[in-house]
Amino acid sequence: ERLDEHRSVWRVPLWSGRLPATFLGRSVQYLEWLLRLLLRYRRENIEAFHAHSLVALPLGAIFKSLKGCKLIYDTHELATETQTGPLQRRTYKILESLFIHRADVVITVNDSIADWYRNAYGLKNVFVIRNVPFRPEEEVLGSRVLRDTFRVGDDEVLFINQGFLEKGRGVEII
């Protein structure tokens, strides 16, 4: 799909997409996805590969080996710690431990996660890129839209959570 003159999207067709959403079915889909991407881009000049999640990290490591490109691993969250099933969590831990050291740069969303990656894998190339807009300290936003819309009084706490409400994401602390 051509988005504009500089960008296009290739939605990878998977014959295995009809398989059941079991661990085995998802594993076959993943392997097919890897193979199709490797075949599709084998002749392309790739200077950098941005692995936007753990599932893309092995592919990025393969491209780095084949093409000599830079590899950026964008962890977002602790992918190995946020999986619900023990088999999936173990698989993710194995994948990450096998490939994370191939990354030229590892980026994540906050300091505590960055520290976790530094300590867990002995990494020095971990950087934080926050997923919030920069706002100078002295800038005060005076909008009452949320308070007025949801009838929250000035003496009440207005709390906004923009993530999942589930165990292991700090909700218990909040």
C-alpha atoms as a PDB file:
ATOM      1  CA  GLU A   1       0.000   0.000   0.000  1.00  0.00           C
ATOM      2  CA  ARG A   2       1.511   3.299  -1.106  1.00  0.00           C
ATOM      3  CA  LEU A   3       1.017   5.943   1.603  1.00  0.00           C
ATOM      4  CA  ASP A   4       2.771   8.784  -0.218  1.00  0.00           C
ATOM      5  CA  GLU A   5       5.818   9.329  -2.425  1.00  0.00           C
ATOM      6  CA  HIS A   6       8.220   8.359   0.387  1.00  0.00           C
ATOM      7  CA  ARG A   7       6.360   5.672   2.317  1.00  0.00           C
ATOM      8  CA  SER A   8       4.701   2.375   1.594  1.00  0.00           C
ATOM      9  CA  VAL A   9       3.426  -0.492   3.712  1.00  0.00           C
ATOM     10  CA  TRP A  10       3.642  -4.152   2.862  1.00  0.00           C
ATOM     11  CA  ARG A  11       1.108  -6.196   4.796  1.00  0.00           C
ATOM     12  CA  VAL A  12       2.675  -9.620   4.913  1.00  0.00           C
ATOM     13  CA  PRO A  13       0.235 -12.271   3.664  1.00  0.00           C
ATOM     14  CA  LEU A  14       0.477 -15.461   5.701  1.00  0.00           C
ATOM     15  CA  TRP A  15      -0.940 -18.780   4.544  1.00  0.00           C
ATOM     16  CA  SER A  16      -0.530 -19.916   8.160  1.00  0.00           C
ATOM     17  CA  GLY A  17      -2.901 -17.160   9.289  1.00  0.00           C
ATOM     18  CA  ARG A  18      -5.687 -19.745   9.204  1.00  0.00           C
ATOM     19  CA  LEU A  19      -4.014 -21.856  11.884  1.00  0.00           C
ATOM     20  CA  PRO A  20      -5.504 -21.824  15.389  1.00  0.00           C
ATOM     21  CA  ALA A  21      -4.248 -19.162  17.799  1.00  0.00           C
ATOM     22  CA  THR A  22      -2.375 -21.711  19.901  1.00  0.00           C
ATOM     23  CA  PHE A  23       1.298 -21.514  20.837  1.00  0.00           C
ATOM     24  CA  LEU A  24       2.160 -23.893  17.988  1.00  0.00           C
ATOM     25  CA  GLY A  25      -0.048 -22.039  15.485  1.00  0.00           C
ATOM     26  CA  ARG A  26       1.439 -18.661  16.440  1.00  0.00           C
ATOM     27  CA  SER A  27       4.958 -20.105  16.249  1.00  0.00           C
ATOM     28  CA  VAL A  28       4.357 -21.332  12.682  1.00  0.00           C
ATOM     29  CA  GLN A  29       2.916 -17.908  11.749  1.00  0.00           C
ATOM     30  CA  TYR A  30       5.978 -16.206  13.234  1.00  0.00           C
ATOM     31  CA  LEU A  31       8.394 -18.421  11.313  1.00  0.00           C
ATOM     32  CA  GLU A  32       6.496 -17.830   8.079  1.00  0.00           C
ATOM     33  CA  TRP A  33       6.531 -14.066   8.748  1.00  0.00           C
ATOM     34  CA  LEU A  34      10.322 -14.145   9.297  1.00  0.00           C
ATOM     35  CA  LEU A  35      10.908 -16.156   6.119  1.00  0.00           C
ATOM     36  CA  ARG A  36       8.686 -13.951   3.952  1.00  0.00           C
ATOM     37  CA  LEU A  37      10.401 -10.767   5.167  1.00  0.00           C
ATOM     38  CA  LEU A  38      13.856 -12.247   4.620  1.00  0.00           C
ATOM     39  CA  LEU A  39      12.934 -13.299   1.092  1.00  0.00           C
ATOM     40  CA  ARG A  40      11.244  -9.990   0.280  1.00  0.00           C
ATOM     41  CA  TYR A  41      14.138  -7.778   1.429  1.00  0.00           C
ATOM     42  CA  ARG A  42      17.130 -10.028   0.701  1.00  0.00           C
ATOM     43  CA  ARG A  43      18.319  -7.811  -2.160  1.00  0.00           C
ATOM     44  CA  GLU A  44      17.531  -4.453  -0.536  1.00  0.00           C
ATOM     45  CA  ASN A  45      20.194  -2.151   0.852  1.00  0.00           C
ATOM     46  CA  ILE A  46      19.318  -1.810   4.535  1.00  0.00           C
ATOM     47  CA  GLU A  47      21.262   0.713   6.607  1.00  0.00           C
ATOM     48  CA  ALA A  48      19.296   0.435   9.839  1.00  0.00           C
ATOM     49  CA  PHE A  49      16.715  -1.950  11.224  1.00  0.00           C
ATOM     50  CA  HIS A  50      14.396  -0.687  13.956  1.00  0.00           C
ATOM     51  CA  ALA A  51      13.048  -3.703  15.840  1.00  0.00           C
ATOM     52  CA  HIS A  52       9.897  -2.129  17.230  1.00  0.00           C
ATOM     53  CA  SER A  53       9.221  -5.070  19.532  1.00  0.00           C
ATOM     54  CA  LEU A  54      10.779  -8.269  20.784  1.00  0.00           C
ATOM     55  CA  VAL A  55       9.202 -10.331  18.002  1.00  0.00           C
ATOM     56  CA  ALA A  56      11.089  -8.255  15.410  1.00  0.00           C
ATOM     57  CA  LEU A  57      14.451  -8.462  17.238  1.00  0.00           C
ATOM     58  CA  PRO A  58      15.546 -11.844  15.783  1.00  0.00           C
ATOM     59  CA  LEU A  59      14.736 -10.621  12.267  1.00  0.00           C
ATOM     60  CA  GLY A  60      16.753  -7.466  12.929  1.00  0.00           C
ATOM     61  CA  ALA A  61      19.686  -9.544  14.147  1.00  0.00           C
ATOM     62  CA  ILE A  62      19.519 -11.666  10.987  1.00  0.00           C
ATOM     63  CA  PHE A  63      19.463  -8.578   8.767  1.00  0.00           C
ATOM     64  CA  LYS A  64      22.366  -7.092  10.731  1.00  0.00           C
ATOM     65  CA  SER A  65      24.387 -10.258  10.070  1.00  0.00           C
ATOM     66  CA  LEU A  66      23.454 -10.377   6.382  1.00  0.00           C
ATOM     67  CA  LYS A  67      23.508  -6.675   5.547  1.00  0.00           C
ATOM     68  CA  GLY A  68      25.819  -5.142   8.156  1.00  0.00           C
ATOM     69  CA  CYS A  69      23.113  -2.667   9.128  1.00  0.00           C
ATOM     70  CA  LYS A  70      22.665  -0.950  12.482  1.00  0.00           C
ATOM     71  CA  LEU A  71      20.145  -2.594  14.794  1.00  0.00           C
ATOM     72  CA  ILE A  72      17.935  -0.598  17.139  1.00  0.00           C
ATOM     73  CA  TYR A  73      15.867  -2.570  19.649  1.00  0.00           C
ATOM     74  CA  ASP A  74      12.853  -0.605  20.878  1.00  0.00           C
ATOM     75  CA  THR A  75      11.682  -2.495  23.959  1.00  0.00           C
ATOM     76  CA  HIS A  76       8.752  -0.232  24.920  1.00  0.00           C
ATOM     77  CA  GLU A  77       7.881  -2.256  27.978  1.00  0.00           C
ATOM     78  CA  LEU A  78       9.425  -5.269  29.607  1.00  0.00           C
ATOM     79  CA  ALA A  79       8.211  -7.718  26.982  1.00  0.00           C
ATOM     80  CA  THR A  80       9.638 -10.678  28.847  1.00  0.00           C
ATOM     81  CA  GLU A  81       7.870  -9.745  32.073  1.00  0.00           C
ATOM     82  CA  THR A  82       4.435  -8.751  30.757  1.00  0.00           C
ATOM     83  CA  GLN A  83       3.497 -12.055  29.126  1.00  0.00           C
ATOM     84  CA  THR A  84       0.688 -13.929  30.832  1.00  0.00           C
ATOM     85  CA  GLY A  85       1.535 -17.535  30.044  1.00  0.00           C
ATOM     86  CA  PRO A  86       4.650 -19.245  31.440  1.00  0.00           C
ATOM     87  CA  LEU A  87       5.528 -20.829  28.082  1.00  0.00           C
ATOM     88  CA  GLN A  88       5.275 -17.504  26.271  1.00  0.00           C
ATOM     89  CA  ARG A  89       7.256 -15.706  29.005  1.00  0.00           C
ATOM     90  CA  ARG A  90      10.019 -18.326  28.830  1.00  0.00           C
ATOM     91  CA  THR A  91      10.103 -18.183  25.020  1.00  0.00           C
ATOM     92  CA  TYR A  92      10.364 -14.382  25.105  1.00  0.00           C
ATOM     93  CA  LYS A  93      13.181 -14.504  27.659  1.00  0.00           C
ATOM     94  CA  ILE A  94      15.127 -16.954  25.511  1.00  0.00           C
ATOM     95  CA  LEU A  95      14.612 -14.859  22.352  1.00  0.00           C
ATOM     96  CA  GLU A  96      15.632 -11.648  24.064  1.00  0.00           C
ATOM     97  CA  SER A  97      18.706 -13.125  25.736  1.00  0.00           C
ATOM     98  CA  LEU A  98      19.846 -14.625  22.415  1.00  0.00           C
ATOM     99  CA  PHE A  99      19.536 -11.432  20.374  1.00  0.00           C
ATOM    100  CA  ILE A 100      19.653  -8.325  22.578  1.00  0.00           C
ATOM    101  CA  HIS A 101      23.450  -8.168  22.545  1.00  0.00           C
ATOM    102  CA  ARG A 102      23.363  -7.817  18.749  1.00  0.00           C
ATOM    103  CA  ALA A 103      21.601  -4.449  19.092  1.00  0.00           C
ATOM    104  CA  ASP A 104      23.699  -1.346  18.568  1.00  0.00           C
ATOM    105  CA  VAL A 105      21.228   0.621  20.650  1.00  0.00           C
ATOM    106  CA  VAL A 106      18.437  -0.395  23.013  1.00  0.00           C
ATOM    107  CA  ILE A 107      15.724   2.160  23.734  1.00  0.00           C
ATOM    108  CA  THR A 108      12.899   2.078  26.227  1.00  0.00           C
ATOM    109  CA  VAL A 109      10.264   4.366  27.726  1.00  0.00           C
ATOM    110  CA  ASN A 110      11.542   5.109  31.231  1.00  0.00           C
ATOM    111  CA  ASP A 111      14.545   5.020  33.546  1.00  0.00           C
ATOM    112  CA  SER A 112      13.453   2.046  35.650  1.00  0.00           C
ATOM    113  CA  ILE A 113      13.023  -0.170  32.579  1.00  0.00           C
ATOM    114  CA  ALA A 114      16.352   1.068  31.197  1.00  0.00           C
ATOM    115  CA  ASP A 115      18.016   0.155  34.508  1.00  0.00           C
ATOM    116  CA  TRP A 116      16.384  -3.277  34.388  1.00  0.00           C
ATOM    117  CA  TYR A 117      17.872  -3.921  30.921  1.00  0.00           C
ATOM    118  CA  ARG A 118      21.301  -2.648  31.994  1.00  0.00           C
ATOM    119  CA  ASN A 119      21.300  -4.948  35.026  1.00  0.00           C
ATOM    120  CA  ALA A 120      19.651  -8.018  33.469  1.00  0.00           C
ATOM    121  CA  TYR A 121      21.905  -8.129  30.395  1.00  0.00           C
ATOM    122  CA  GLY A 122      24.936  -6.038  31.385  1.00  0.00           C
ATOM    123  CA  LEU A 123      24.174  -3.499  28.650  1.00  0.00           C
ATOM    124  CA  LYS A 124      25.695  -0.035  28.348  1.00  0.00           C
ATOM    125  CA  ASN A 125      23.872   1.074  25.195  1.00  0.00           C
ATOM    126  CA  VAL A 126      20.397   1.576  26.746  1.00  0.00           C
ATOM    127  CA  PHE A 127      18.679   4.929  26.273  1.00  0.00           C
ATOM    128  CA  VAL A 128      15.339   6.355  27.369  1.00  0.00           C
ATOM    129  CA  ILE A 129      12.987   7.960  24.873  1.00  0.00           C
ATOM    130  CA  ARG A 130       9.852   9.030  26.679  1.00  0.00           C
ATOM    131  CA  ASN A 131       6.537   8.633  24.922  1.00  0.00           C
ATOM    132  CA  VAL A 132       5.154  11.903  26.301  1.00  0.00           C
ATOM    133  CA  PRO A 133       5.452  15.364  24.805  1.00  0.00           C
ATOM    134  CA  PHE A 134       7.963  17.779  26.286  1.00  0.00           C
ATOM    135  CA  ARG A 135       6.423  20.556  28.340  1.00  0.00           C
ATOM    136  CA  PRO A 136       8.483  23.225  30.101  1.00  0.00           C
ATOM    137  CA  GLU A 137       8.071  23.174  33.893  1.00  0.00           C
ATOM    138  CA  GLU A 138       6.773  26.739  34.018  1.00  0.00           C
ATOM    139  CA  GLU A 139       4.013  26.052  31.502  1.00  0.00           C
ATOM    140  CA  VAL A 140       0.703  25.528  33.250  1.00  0.00           C
ATOM    141  CA  LEU A 141      -2.249  24.071  31.428  1.00  0.00           C
ATOM    142  CA  GLY A 142      -5.520  25.534  32.661  1.00  0.00           C
ATOM    143  CA  SER A 143      -8.059  23.462  30.781  1.00  0.00           C
ATOM    144  CA  ARG A 144     -11.135  22.328  32.701  1.00  0.00           C
ATOM    145  CA  VAL A 145     -12.494  20.159  29.888  1.00  0.00           C
ATOM    146  CA  LEU A 146     -12.081  16.835  31.706  1.00  0.00           C
ATOM    147  CA  ARG A 147     -13.253  18.133  35.084  1.00  0.00           C
ATOM    148  CA  ASP A 148     -16.310  19.755  33.533  1.00  0.00           C
ATOM    149  CA  THR A 149     -17.139  16.863  31.187  1.00  0.00           C
ATOM    150  CA  PHE A 150     -16.946  14.222  33.902  1.00  0.00           C
ATOM    151  CA  ARG A 151     -18.142  16.453  36.762  1.00  0.00           C
ATOM    152  CA  VAL A 152     -14.962  16.083  38.831  1.00  0.00           C
ATOM    153  CA  GLY A 153     -14.825  18.750  41.530  1.00  0.00           C
ATOM    154  CA  ASP A 154     -11.778  20.894  42.274  1.00  0.00           C
ATOM    155  CA  ASP A 155     -11.392  19.133  45.628  1.00  0.00           C
ATOM    156  CA  GLU A 156     -11.323  15.678  43.972  1.00  0.00           C
ATOM    157  CA  VAL A 157      -8.361  13.899  42.402  1.00  0.00           C
ATOM    158  CA  LEU A 158      -8.493  13.563  38.636  1.00  0.00           C
ATOM    159  CA  PHE A 159      -6.402  10.561  37.597  1.00  0.00           C
ATOM    160  CA  ILE A 160      -5.857   9.470  34.007  1.00  0.00           C
ATOM    161  CA  ASN A 161      -4.310   6.106  33.167  1.00  0.00           C
ATOM    162  CA  GLN A 162      -3.397   5.690  29.513  1.00  0.00           C
ATOM    163  CA  GLY A 163      -2.308   2.072  29.765  1.00  0.00           C
ATOM    164  CA  PHE A 164      -3.714  -1.327  30.559  1.00  0.00           C
ATOM    165  CA  LEU A 165      -5.250  -1.889  33.959  1.00  0.00           C
ATOM    166  CA  GLU A 166      -3.723  -5.254  34.726  1.00  0.00           C
ATOM    167  CA  LYS A 167      -1.492  -6.937  37.255  1.00  0.00           C
ATOM    168  CA  GLY A 168       2.222  -6.280  36.863  1.00  0.00           C
ATOM    169  CA  ARG A 169       1.889  -2.792  35.353  1.00  0.00           C
ATOM    170  CA  GLY A 170       2.122  -0.822  38.585  1.00  0.00           C
ATOM    171  CA  VAL A 171      -1.641  -0.532  39.019  1.00  0.00           C
ATOM    172  CA  GLU A 172      -1.375  -2.041  42.502  1.00  0.00           C
ATOM    173  CA  ILE A 173       1.012   0.743  43.553  1.00  0.00           C
ATOM    174  CA  ILE A 174      -1.213   3.464  42.142  1.00  0.00           C
END
